[in-house]
Amino acid sequence: MSDFETDMATWKTQPVDVRAWALESHSHAVKESYGDLPTTIDGEDPVAINTCADDDNVLQRMLDLDETVNQKYVDLVKPVIEEQLARAGTRLAVILNQIWHD
């Protein structure tokens, strides 16, 4: 039995709303994941991105911070990650079923 079996039954009945799902995921990331990093990383204003080099190579700047996480952090965010993966898998299954069964 899945840890999320009851939740999955509910997720399957919810409407497909990709925008809401993205906002939900972002909210979890800000609250549970990013909020508990050992070093606070200031947010940046959004800019148009056309290539990986845009926005002054944001990826490289983040890598240069050399952020590391400890086991305490991993243990803290693991339940959130597991739930989000279960949600994503369930939602993907709903979309695929709609494509092939409708």
PDB file of N, CA and C in Angstrom:
ATOM      1  N   MET A   1       0.847  -1.183   0.000  1.00  0.00           N
ATOM      2  CA  MET A   1       0.000   0.000   0.000  1.00  0.00           C
ATOM      3  C   MET A   1       0.892   1.245   0.000  1.00  0.00           C
ATOM      4  N   SER A   2       0.558   2.170  -0.884  1.00  0.00           N
ATOM      5  CA  SER A   2       1.313   3.420  -0.998  1.00  0.00           C
ATOM      6  C   SER A   2       1.040   4.326   0.194  1.00  0.00           C
ATOM      7  N   ASP A   3       2.061   5.091   0.598  1.00  0.00           N
ATOM      8  CA  ASP A   3       1.879   6.084   1.661  1.00  0.00           C
ATOM      9  C   ASP A   3       0.845   7.141   1.262  1.00  0.00           C
ATOM     10  N   PHE A   4       0.624   7.290  -0.034  1.00  0.00           N
ATOM     11  CA  PHE A   4      -0.243   8.350  -0.536  1.00  0.00           C
ATOM     12  C   PHE A   4      -1.502   7.808  -1.220  1.00  0.00           C
ATOM     13  N   GLU A   5      -1.836   6.561  -0.968  1.00  0.00           N
ATOM     14  CA  GLU A   5      -2.962   5.944  -1.672  1.00  0.00           C
ATOM     15  C   GLU A   5      -4.264   6.725  -1.499  1.00  0.00           C
ATOM     16  N   THR A   6      -4.569   7.136  -0.296  1.00  0.00           N
ATOM     17  CA  THR A   6      -5.788   7.912  -0.054  1.00  0.00           C
ATOM     18  C   THR A   6      -5.721   9.250  -0.765  1.00  0.00           C
ATOM     19  N   ASP A   7      -4.568   9.899  -0.678  1.00  0.00           N
ATOM     20  CA  ASP A   7      -4.391  11.195  -1.354  1.00  0.00           C
ATOM     21  C   ASP A   7      -4.531  11.047  -2.867  1.00  0.00           C
ATOM     22  N   MET A   8      -3.967   9.955  -3.406  1.00  0.00           N
ATOM     23  CA  MET A   8      -4.013   9.750  -4.856  1.00  0.00           C
ATOM     24  C   MET A   8      -5.447   9.673  -5.362  1.00  0.00           C
ATOM     25  N   ALA A   9      -6.312   9.050  -4.586  1.00  0.00           N
ATOM     26  CA  ALA A   9      -7.720   8.967  -4.985  1.00  0.00           C
ATOM     27  C   ALA A   9      -8.311  10.366  -5.120  1.00  0.00           C
ATOM     28  N   THR A  10      -7.935  11.257  -4.228  1.00  0.00           N
ATOM     29  CA  THR A  10      -8.410  12.646  -4.299  1.00  0.00           C
ATOM     30  C   THR A  10      -7.768  13.375  -5.472  1.00  0.00           C
ATOM     31  N   TRP A  11      -6.464  13.225  -5.641  1.00  0.00           N
ATOM     32  CA  TRP A  11      -5.759  13.911  -6.723  1.00  0.00           C
ATOM     33  C   TRP A  11      -6.328  13.527  -8.087  1.00  0.00           C
ATOM     34  N   LYS A  12      -6.746  12.271  -8.233  1.00  0.00           N
ATOM     35  CA  LYS A  12      -7.288  11.798  -9.512  1.00  0.00           C
ATOM     36  C   LYS A  12      -8.590  12.491  -9.876  1.00  0.00           C
ATOM     37  N   THR A  13      -9.327  12.968  -8.892  1.00  0.00           N
ATOM     38  CA  THR A  13     -10.629  13.596  -9.156  1.00  0.00           C
ATOM     39  C   THR A  13     -10.526  15.100  -9.378  1.00  0.00           C
ATOM     40  N   GLN A  14      -9.372  15.668  -9.133  1.00  0.00           N
ATOM     41  CA  GLN A  14      -9.208  17.115  -9.280  1.00  0.00           C
ATOM     42  C   GLN A  14      -9.008  17.484 -10.748  1.00  0.00           C
ATOM     43  N   PRO A  15      -9.428  18.667 -11.130  1.00  0.00           N
ATOM     44  CA  PRO A  15      -9.277  19.078 -12.536  1.00  0.00           C
ATOM     45  C   PRO A  15      -7.805  19.259 -12.911  1.00  0.00           C
ATOM     46  N   VAL A  16      -7.529  19.081 -14.188  1.00  0.00           N
ATOM     47  CA  VAL A  16      -6.182  19.324 -14.704  1.00  0.00           C
ATOM     48  C   VAL A  16      -5.988  20.836 -14.768  1.00  0.00           C
ATOM     49  N   ASP A  17      -5.040  21.333 -13.978  1.00  0.00           N
ATOM     50  CA  ASP A  17      -4.760  22.766 -13.917  1.00  0.00           C
ATOM     51  C   ASP A  17      -3.256  22.942 -13.741  1.00  0.00           C
ATOM     52  N   VAL A  18      -2.555  22.921 -14.850  1.00  0.00           N
ATOM     53  CA  VAL A  18      -1.087  22.938 -14.827  1.00  0.00           C
ATOM     54  C   VAL A  18      -0.552  24.188 -14.141  1.00  0.00           C
ATOM     55  N   ARG A  19      -1.195  25.318 -14.365  1.00  0.00           N
ATOM     56  CA  ARG A  19      -0.744  26.564 -13.719  1.00  0.00           C
ATOM     57  C   ARG A  19      -0.846  26.451 -12.200  1.00  0.00           C
ATOM     58  N   ALA A  20      -1.957  25.943 -11.708  1.00  0.00           N
ATOM     59  CA  ALA A  20      -2.132  25.775 -10.261  1.00  0.00           C
ATOM     60  C   ALA A  20      -1.115  24.783  -9.711  1.00  0.00           C
ATOM     61  N   TRP A  21      -0.824  23.739 -10.474  1.00  0.00           N
ATOM     62  CA  TRP A  21       0.159  22.750 -10.018  1.00  0.00           C
ATOM     63  C   TRP A  21       1.547  23.382  -9.907  1.00  0.00           C
ATOM     64  N   ALA A  22       1.904  24.207 -10.881  1.00  0.00           N
ATOM     65  CA  ALA A  22       3.211  24.874 -10.842  1.00  0.00           C
ATOM     66  C   ALA A  22       3.305  25.818  -9.651  1.00  0.00           C
ATOM     67  N   LEU A  23       2.241  26.577  -9.409  1.00  0.00           N
ATOM     68  CA  LEU A  23       2.237  27.493  -8.263  1.00  0.00           C
ATOM     69  C   LEU A  23       2.298  26.725  -6.947  1.00  0.00           C
ATOM     70  N   GLU A  24       1.598  25.609  -6.870  1.00  0.00           N
ATOM     71  CA  GLU A  24       1.630  24.771  -5.673  1.00  0.00           C
ATOM     72  C   GLU A  24       3.049  24.247  -5.417  1.00  0.00           C
ATOM     73  N   SER A  25       3.681  23.765  -6.463  1.00  0.00           N
ATOM     74  CA  SER A  25       5.040  23.236  -6.341  1.00  0.00           C
ATOM     75  C   SER A  25       6.016  24.333  -5.921  1.00  0.00           C
ATOM     76  N   HIS A  26       5.868  25.510  -6.527  1.00  0.00           N
ATOM     77  CA  HIS A  26       6.727  26.638  -6.170  1.00  0.00           C
ATOM     78  C   HIS A  26       6.530  27.023  -4.699  1.00  0.00           C
ATOM     79  N   SER A  27       5.295  27.029  -4.266  1.00  0.00           N
ATOM     80  CA  SER A  27       4.996  27.369  -2.871  1.00  0.00           C
ATOM     81  C   SER A  27       5.674  26.392  -1.913  1.00  0.00           C
ATOM     82  N   HIS A  28       5.592  25.101  -2.228  1.00  0.00           N
ATOM     83  CA  HIS A  28       6.266  24.097  -1.388  1.00  0.00           C
ATOM     84  C   HIS A  28       7.779  24.330  -1.378  1.00  0.00           C
ATOM     85  N   ALA A  29       8.327  24.618  -2.551  1.00  0.00           N
ATOM     86  CA  ALA A  29       9.772  24.823  -2.641  1.00  0.00           C
ATOM     87  C   ALA A  29      10.210  25.996  -1.784  1.00  0.00           C
ATOM     88  N   VAL A  30       9.484  27.101  -1.887  1.00  0.00           N
ATOM     89  CA  VAL A  30       9.844  28.294  -1.112  1.00  0.00           C
ATOM     90  C   VAL A  30       9.701  28.029   0.379  1.00  0.00           C
ATOM     91  N   LYS A  31       8.601  27.418   0.776  1.00  0.00           N
ATOM     92  CA  LYS A  31       8.310  27.233   2.197  1.00  0.00           C
ATOM     93  C   LYS A  31       9.154  26.115   2.824  1.00  0.00           C
ATOM     94  N   GLU A  32       9.156  24.948   2.202  1.00  0.00           N
ATOM     95  CA  GLU A  32       9.800  23.805   2.838  1.00  0.00           C
ATOM     96  C   GLU A  32      11.242  23.575   2.409  1.00  0.00           C
ATOM     97  N   SER A  33      11.559  23.881   1.182  1.00  0.00           N
ATOM     98  CA  SER A  33      12.897  23.559   0.685  1.00  0.00           C
ATOM     99  C   SER A  33      13.843  24.743   0.754  1.00  0.00           C
ATOM    100  N   TYR A  34      13.593  25.765  -0.034  1.00  0.00           N
ATOM    101  CA  TYR A  34      14.503  26.904  -0.055  1.00  0.00           C
ATOM    102  C   TYR A  34      14.585  27.582   1.305  1.00  0.00           C
ATOM    103  N   GLY A  35      13.493  27.637   2.013  1.00  0.00           N
ATOM    104  CA  GLY A  35      13.458  28.316   3.303  1.00  0.00           C
ATOM    105  C   GLY A  35      14.341  27.675   4.349  1.00  0.00           C
ATOM    106  N   ASP A  36      14.727  26.413   4.137  1.00  0.00           N
ATOM    107  CA  ASP A  36      15.542  25.715   5.122  1.00  0.00           C
ATOM    108  C   ASP A  36      16.973  25.457   4.666  1.00  0.00           C
ATOM    109  N   LEU A  37      17.388  26.123   3.607  1.00  0.00           N
ATOM    110  CA  LEU A  37      18.779  25.984   3.185  1.00  0.00           C
ATOM    111  C   LEU A  37      19.693  26.632   4.223  1.00  0.00           C
ATOM    112  N   PRO A  38      20.897  26.091   4.402  1.00  0.00           N
ATOM    113  CA  PRO A  38      21.817  26.662   5.395  1.00  0.00           C
ATOM    114  C   PRO A  38      22.188  28.116   5.110  1.00  0.00           C
ATOM    115  N   THR A  39      22.218  28.513   3.831  1.00  0.00           N
ATOM    116  CA  THR A  39      22.556  29.875   3.457  1.00  0.00           C
ATOM    117  C   THR A  39      21.364  30.492   2.739  1.00  0.00           C
ATOM    118  N   THR A  40      20.937  31.658   3.160  1.00  0.00           N
ATOM    119  CA  THR A  40      19.837  32.332   2.496  1.00  0.00           C
ATOM    120  C   THR A  40      20.318  32.869   1.156  1.00  0.00           C
ATOM    121  N   ILE A  41      19.537  32.620   0.132  1.00  0.00           N
ATOM    122  CA  ILE A  41      19.861  33.108  -1.209  1.00  0.00           C
ATOM    123  C   ILE A  41      18.802  34.119  -1.584  1.00  0.00           C
ATOM    124  N   ASP A  42      19.220  35.351  -1.833  1.00  0.00           N
ATOM    125  CA  ASP A  42      18.280  36.395  -2.201  1.00  0.00           C
ATOM    126  C   ASP A  42      17.658  36.101  -3.557  1.00  0.00           C
ATOM    127  N   GLY A  43      16.379  36.389  -3.667  1.00  0.00           N
ATOM    128  CA  GLY A  43      15.686  36.220  -4.939  1.00  0.00           C
ATOM    129  C   GLY A  43      16.128  37.262  -5.942  1.00  0.00           C
ATOM    130  N   GLU A  44      15.907  36.960  -7.193  1.00  0.00           N
ATOM    131  CA  GLU A  44      16.249  37.892  -8.258  1.00  0.00           C
ATOM    132  C   GLU A  44      14.976  38.283  -8.985  1.00  0.00           C
ATOM    133  N   ASP A  45      14.960  39.475  -9.536  1.00  0.00           N
ATOM    134  CA  ASP A  45      13.828  39.905 -10.333  1.00  0.00           C
ATOM    135  C   ASP A  45      13.781  39.074 -11.610  1.00  0.00           C
ATOM    136  N   PRO A  46      12.596  38.651 -12.028  1.00  0.00           N
ATOM    137  CA  PRO A  46      12.501  37.849 -13.250  1.00  0.00           C
ATOM    138  C   PRO A  46      12.850  38.671 -14.485  1.00  0.00           C
ATOM    139  N   VAL A  47      13.512  38.002 -15.421  1.00  0.00           N
ATOM    140  CA  VAL A  47      13.838  38.614 -16.705  1.00  0.00           C
ATOM    141  C   VAL A  47      13.533  37.596 -17.797  1.00  0.00           C
ATOM    142  N   ALA A  48      13.385  38.084 -19.015  1.00  0.00           N
ATOM    143  CA  ALA A  48      13.139  37.194 -20.149  1.00  0.00           C
ATOM    144  C   ALA A  48      14.356  36.311 -20.376  1.00  0.00           C
ATOM    145  N   ILE A  49      14.116  35.023 -20.547  1.00  0.00           N
ATOM    146  CA  ILE A  49      15.194  34.061 -20.768  1.00  0.00           C
ATOM    147  C   ILE A  49      15.003  33.429 -22.140  1.00  0.00           C
ATOM    148  N   ASN A  50      16.024  33.538 -22.987  1.00  0.00           N
ATOM    149  CA  ASN A  50      15.976  32.924 -24.309  1.00  0.00           C
ATOM    150  C   ASN A  50      17.035  31.838 -24.467  1.00  0.00           C
ATOM    151  N   THR A  51      18.149  31.983 -23.753  1.00  0.00           N
ATOM    152  CA  THR A  51      19.208  30.977 -23.793  1.00  0.00           C
ATOM    153  C   THR A  51      19.758  30.801 -22.381  1.00  0.00           C
ATOM    154  N   CYS A  52      20.572  29.786 -22.204  1.00  0.00           N
ATOM    155  CA  CYS A  52      21.165  29.519 -20.897  1.00  0.00           C
ATOM    156  C   CYS A  52      22.106  30.639 -20.451  1.00  0.00           C
ATOM    157  N   ALA A  53      22.586  31.430 -21.374  1.00  0.00           N
ATOM    158  CA  ALA A  53      23.509  32.515 -21.038  1.00  0.00           C
ATOM    159  C   ALA A  53      22.770  33.785 -20.605  1.00  0.00           C
ATOM    160  N   ASP A  54      21.471  33.829 -20.811  1.00  0.00           N
ATOM    161  CA  ASP A  54      20.708  35.013 -20.413  1.00  0.00           C
ATOM    162  C   ASP A  54      20.696  35.156 -18.899  1.00  0.00           C
ATOM    163  N   ASP A  55      20.286  36.316 -18.447  1.00  0.00           N
ATOM    164  CA  ASP A  55      20.215  36.645 -17.026  1.00  0.00           C
ATOM    165  C   ASP A  55      21.582  36.503 -16.363  1.00  0.00           C
ATOM    166  N   ASP A  56      22.614  36.904 -17.111  1.00  0.00           N
ATOM    167  CA  ASP A  56      23.974  36.921 -16.568  1.00  0.00           C
ATOM    168  C   ASP A  56      24.376  35.562 -16.003  1.00  0.00           C
ATOM    169  N   ASN A  57      24.031  34.491 -16.725  1.00  0.00           N
ATOM    170  CA  ASN A  57      24.411  33.127 -16.348  1.00  0.00           C
ATOM    171  C   ASN A  57      23.994  32.775 -14.922  1.00  0.00           C
ATOM    172  N   VAL A  58      22.699  32.857 -14.654  1.00  0.00           N
ATOM    173  CA  VAL A  58      22.171  32.607 -13.310  1.00  0.00           C
ATOM    174  C   VAL A  58      22.585  31.223 -12.793  1.00  0.00           C
ATOM    175  N   LEU A  59      22.598  30.221 -13.659  1.00  0.00           N
ATOM    176  CA  LEU A  59      22.983  28.885 -13.218  1.00  0.00           C
ATOM    177  C   LEU A  59      24.404  28.888 -12.664  1.00  0.00           C
ATOM    178  N   GLN A  60      25.318  29.513 -13.364  1.00  0.00           N
ATOM    179  CA  GLN A  60      26.698  29.545 -12.894  1.00  0.00           C
ATOM    180  C   GLN A  60      26.814  30.308 -11.580  1.00  0.00           C
ATOM    181  N   ARG A  61      26.063  31.390 -11.450  1.00  0.00           N
ATOM    182  CA  ARG A  61      26.107  32.156 -10.197  1.00  0.00           C
ATOM    183  C   ARG A  61      25.617  31.289  -9.032  1.00  0.00           C
ATOM    184  N   MET A  62      24.579  30.497  -9.258  1.00  0.00           N
ATOM    185  CA  MET A  62      24.079  29.625  -8.192  1.00  0.00           C
ATOM    186  C   MET A  62      25.113  28.536  -7.870  1.00  0.00           C
ATOM    187  N   LEU A  63      25.745  27.980  -8.892  1.00  0.00           N
ATOM    188  CA  LEU A  63      26.787  26.967  -8.659  1.00  0.00           C
ATOM    189  C   LEU A  63      27.963  27.557  -7.886  1.00  0.00           C
ATOM    190  N   ASP A  64      28.304  28.804  -8.181  1.00  0.00           N
ATOM    191  CA  ASP A  64      29.421  29.462  -7.510  1.00  0.00           C
ATOM    192  C   ASP A  64      29.169  29.667  -6.018  1.00  0.00           C
ATOM    193  N   LEU A  65      27.898  29.644  -5.600  1.00  0.00           N
ATOM    194  CA  LEU A  65      27.599  29.770  -4.174  1.00  0.00           C
ATOM    195  C   LEU A  65      28.075  28.544  -3.400  1.00  0.00           C
ATOM    196  N   ASP A  66      28.277  27.432  -4.120  1.00  0.00           N
ATOM    197  CA  ASP A  66      28.769  26.180  -3.517  1.00  0.00           C
ATOM    198  C   ASP A  66      27.911  25.786  -2.312  1.00  0.00           C
ATOM    199  N   GLU A  67      26.599  25.870  -2.476  1.00  0.00           N
ATOM    200  CA  GLU A  67      25.649  25.516  -1.421  1.00  0.00           C
ATOM    201  C   GLU A  67      25.719  24.014  -1.150  1.00  0.00           C
ATOM    202  N   THR A  68      25.801  23.665   0.078  1.00  0.00           N
ATOM    203  CA  THR A  68      25.764  22.250   0.461  1.00  0.00           C
ATOM    204  C   THR A  68      24.651  22.064   1.481  1.00  0.00           C
ATOM    205  N   VAL A  69      24.126  20.872   1.528  1.00  0.00           N
ATOM    206  CA  VAL A  69      23.074  20.571   2.492  1.00  0.00           C
ATOM    207  C   VAL A  69      23.513  19.380   3.334  1.00  0.00           C
ATOM    208  N   ASN A  70      23.050  19.356   4.570  1.00  0.00           N
ATOM    209  CA  ASN A  70      23.415  18.266   5.463  1.00  0.00           C
ATOM    210  C   ASN A  70      22.272  17.261   5.553  1.00  0.00           C
ATOM    211  N   GLN A  71      22.503  16.175   6.275  1.00  0.00           N
ATOM    212  CA  GLN A  71      21.502  15.133   6.391  1.00  0.00           C
ATOM    213  C   GLN A  71      20.239  15.635   7.079  1.00  0.00           C
ATOM    214  N   LYS A  72      20.379  16.555   8.005  1.00  0.00           N
ATOM    215  CA  LYS A  72      19.214  17.121   8.685  1.00  0.00           C
ATOM    216  C   LYS A  72      18.284  17.789   7.671  1.00  0.00           C
ATOM    217  N   TYR A  73      18.865  18.542   6.754  1.00  0.00           N
ATOM    218  CA  TYR A  73      18.071  19.190   5.703  1.00  0.00           C
ATOM    219  C   TYR A  73      17.410  18.143   4.813  1.00  0.00           C
ATOM    220  N   VAL A  74      18.170  17.146   4.397  1.00  0.00           N
ATOM    221  CA  VAL A  74      17.624  16.090   3.537  1.00  0.00           C
ATOM    222  C   VAL A  74      16.445  15.409   4.228  1.00  0.00           C
ATOM    223  N   ASP A  75      16.613  15.087   5.496  1.00  0.00           N
ATOM    224  CA  ASP A  75      15.534  14.437   6.244  1.00  0.00           C
ATOM    225  C   ASP A  75      14.309  15.339   6.355  1.00  0.00           C
ATOM    226  N   LEU A  76      14.541  16.633   6.462  1.00  0.00           N
ATOM    227  CA  LEU A  76      13.452  17.595   6.598  1.00  0.00           C
ATOM    228  C   LEU A  76      12.632  17.709   5.316  1.00  0.00           C
ATOM    229  N   VAL A  77      13.292  17.757   4.167  1.00  0.00           N
ATOM    230  CA  VAL A  77      12.579  17.975   2.911  1.00  0.00           C
ATOM    231  C   VAL A  77      12.159  16.682   2.213  1.00  0.00           C
ATOM    232  N   LYS A  78      12.679  15.553   2.624  1.00  0.00           N
ATOM    233  CA  LYS A  78      12.363  14.284   1.960  1.00  0.00           C
ATOM    234  C   LYS A  78      10.865  14.006   1.891  1.00  0.00           C
ATOM    235  N   PRO A  79      10.086  14.193   2.962  1.00  0.00           N
ATOM    236  CA  PRO A  79       8.650  13.929   2.856  1.00  0.00           C
ATOM    237  C   PRO A  79       7.951  14.824   1.820  1.00  0.00           C
ATOM    238  N   VAL A  80       8.386  16.070   1.712  1.00  0.00           N
ATOM    239  CA  VAL A  80       7.793  16.989   0.739  1.00  0.00           C
ATOM    240  C   VAL A  80       8.125  16.522  -0.674  1.00  0.00           C
ATOM    241  N   ILE A  81       9.358  16.133  -0.886  1.00  0.00           N
ATOM    242  CA  ILE A  81       9.777  15.657  -2.209  1.00  0.00           C
ATOM    243  C   ILE A  81       9.002  14.396  -2.586  1.00  0.00           C
ATOM    244  N   GLU A  82       8.881  13.460  -1.651  1.00  0.00           N
ATOM    245  CA  GLU A  82       8.158  12.222  -1.926  1.00  0.00           C
ATOM    246  C   GLU A  82       6.694  12.504  -2.266  1.00  0.00           C
ATOM    247  N   GLU A  83       6.066  13.412  -1.530  1.00  0.00           N
ATOM    248  CA  GLU A  83       4.671  13.737  -1.813  1.00  0.00           C
ATOM    249  C   GLU A  83       4.527  14.415  -3.171  1.00  0.00           C
ATOM    250  N   GLN A  84       5.419  15.333  -3.485  1.00  0.00           N
ATOM    251  CA  GLN A  84       5.333  16.023  -4.764  1.00  0.00           C
ATOM    252  C   GLN A  84       5.557  15.050  -5.927  1.00  0.00           C
ATOM    253  N   LEU A  85       6.442  14.080  -5.759  1.00  0.00           N
ATOM    254  CA  LEU A  85       6.644  13.073  -6.800  1.00  0.00           C
ATOM    255  C   LEU A  85       5.400  12.205  -6.969  1.00  0.00           C
ATOM    256  N   ALA A  86       4.759  11.858  -5.857  1.00  0.00           N
ATOM    257  CA  ALA A  86       3.514  11.074  -5.925  1.00  0.00           C
ATOM    258  C   ALA A  86       2.423  11.881  -6.625  1.00  0.00           C
ATOM    259  N   ARG A  87       2.314  13.166  -6.295  1.00  0.00           N
ATOM    260  CA  ARG A  87       1.327  14.031  -6.954  1.00  0.00           C
ATOM    261  C   ARG A  87       1.611  14.094  -8.457  1.00  0.00           C
ATOM    262  N   ALA A  88       2.858  14.322  -8.803  1.00  0.00           N
ATOM    263  CA  ALA A  88       3.230  14.458 -10.214  1.00  0.00           C
ATOM    264  C   ALA A  88       2.916  13.182 -10.990  1.00  0.00           C
ATOM    265  N   GLY A  89       3.258  12.042 -10.420  1.00  0.00           N
ATOM    266  CA  GLY A  89       2.979  10.775 -11.086  1.00  0.00           C
ATOM    267  C   GLY A  89       1.491  10.544 -11.273  1.00  0.00           C
ATOM    268  N   THR A  90       0.719  10.850 -10.257  1.00  0.00           N
ATOM    269  CA  THR A  90      -0.735  10.691 -10.333  1.00  0.00           C
ATOM    270  C   THR A  90      -1.315  11.629 -11.375  1.00  0.00           C
ATOM    271  N   ARG A  91      -0.883  12.865 -11.362  1.00  0.00           N
ATOM    272  CA  ARG A  91      -1.401  13.852 -12.304  1.00  0.00           C
ATOM    273  C   ARG A  91      -1.017  13.502 -13.738  1.00  0.00           C
ATOM    274  N   LEU A  92       0.196  13.018 -13.930  1.00  0.00           N
ATOM    275  CA  LEU A  92       0.617  12.595 -15.266  1.00  0.00           C
ATOM    276  C   LEU A  92      -0.252  11.427 -15.742  1.00  0.00           C
ATOM    277  N   ALA A  93      -0.524  10.481 -14.854  1.00  0.00           N
ATOM    278  CA  ALA A  93      -1.379   9.352 -15.214  1.00  0.00           C
ATOM    279  C   ALA A  93      -2.768   9.822 -15.630  1.00  0.00           C
ATOM    280  N   VAL A  94      -3.318  10.806 -14.912  1.00  0.00           N
ATOM    281  CA  VAL A  94      -4.636  11.353 -15.253  1.00  0.00           C
ATOM    282  C   VAL A  94      -4.601  11.960 -16.655  1.00  0.00           C
ATOM    283  N   ILE A  95      -3.590  12.747 -16.931  1.00  0.00           N
ATOM    284  CA  ILE A  95      -3.478  13.387 -18.245  1.00  0.00           C
ATOM    285  C   ILE A  95      -3.336  12.342 -19.346  1.00  0.00           C
ATOM    286  N   LEU A  96      -2.477  11.354 -19.141  1.00  0.00           N
ATOM    287  CA  LEU A  96      -2.282  10.313 -20.154  1.00  0.00           C
ATOM    288  C   LEU A  96      -3.555   9.506 -20.367  1.00  0.00           C
ATOM    289  N   ASN A  97      -4.265   9.202 -19.295  1.00  0.00           N
ATOM    290  CA  ASN A  97      -5.542   8.491 -19.433  1.00  0.00           C
ATOM    291  C   ASN A  97      -6.553   9.312 -20.225  1.00  0.00           C
ATOM    292  N   GLN A  98      -6.566  10.615 -19.989  1.00  0.00           N
ATOM    293  CA  GLN A  98      -7.471  11.475 -20.750  1.00  0.00           C
ATOM    294  C   GLN A  98      -7.129  11.473 -22.229  1.00  0.00           C
ATOM    295  N   ILE A  99      -5.845  11.481 -22.524  1.00  0.00           N
ATOM    296  CA  ILE A  99      -5.405  11.502 -23.920  1.00  0.00           C
ATOM    297  C   ILE A  99      -5.827  10.220 -24.637  1.00  0.00           C
ATOM    298  N   TRP A 100      -5.610   9.071 -24.005  1.00  0.00           N
ATOM    299  CA  TRP A 100      -5.827   7.800 -24.681  1.00  0.00           C
ATOM    300  C   TRP A 100      -7.215   7.199 -24.478  1.00  0.00           C
ATOM    301  N   HIS A 101      -7.969   7.710 -23.535  1.00  0.00           N
ATOM    302  CA  HIS A 101      -9.285   7.121 -23.287  1.00  0.00           C
ATOM    303  C   HIS A 101     -10.445   8.034 -23.642  1.00  0.00           C
ATOM    304  N   ASP A 102     -10.172   9.253 -23.988  1.00  0.00           N
ATOM    305  CA  ASP A 102     -11.262  10.175 -24.346  1.00  0.00           C
ATOM    306  C   ASP A 102     -11.479  10.227 -25.830  1.00  0.00           C
TER     307      ASP A 102
END
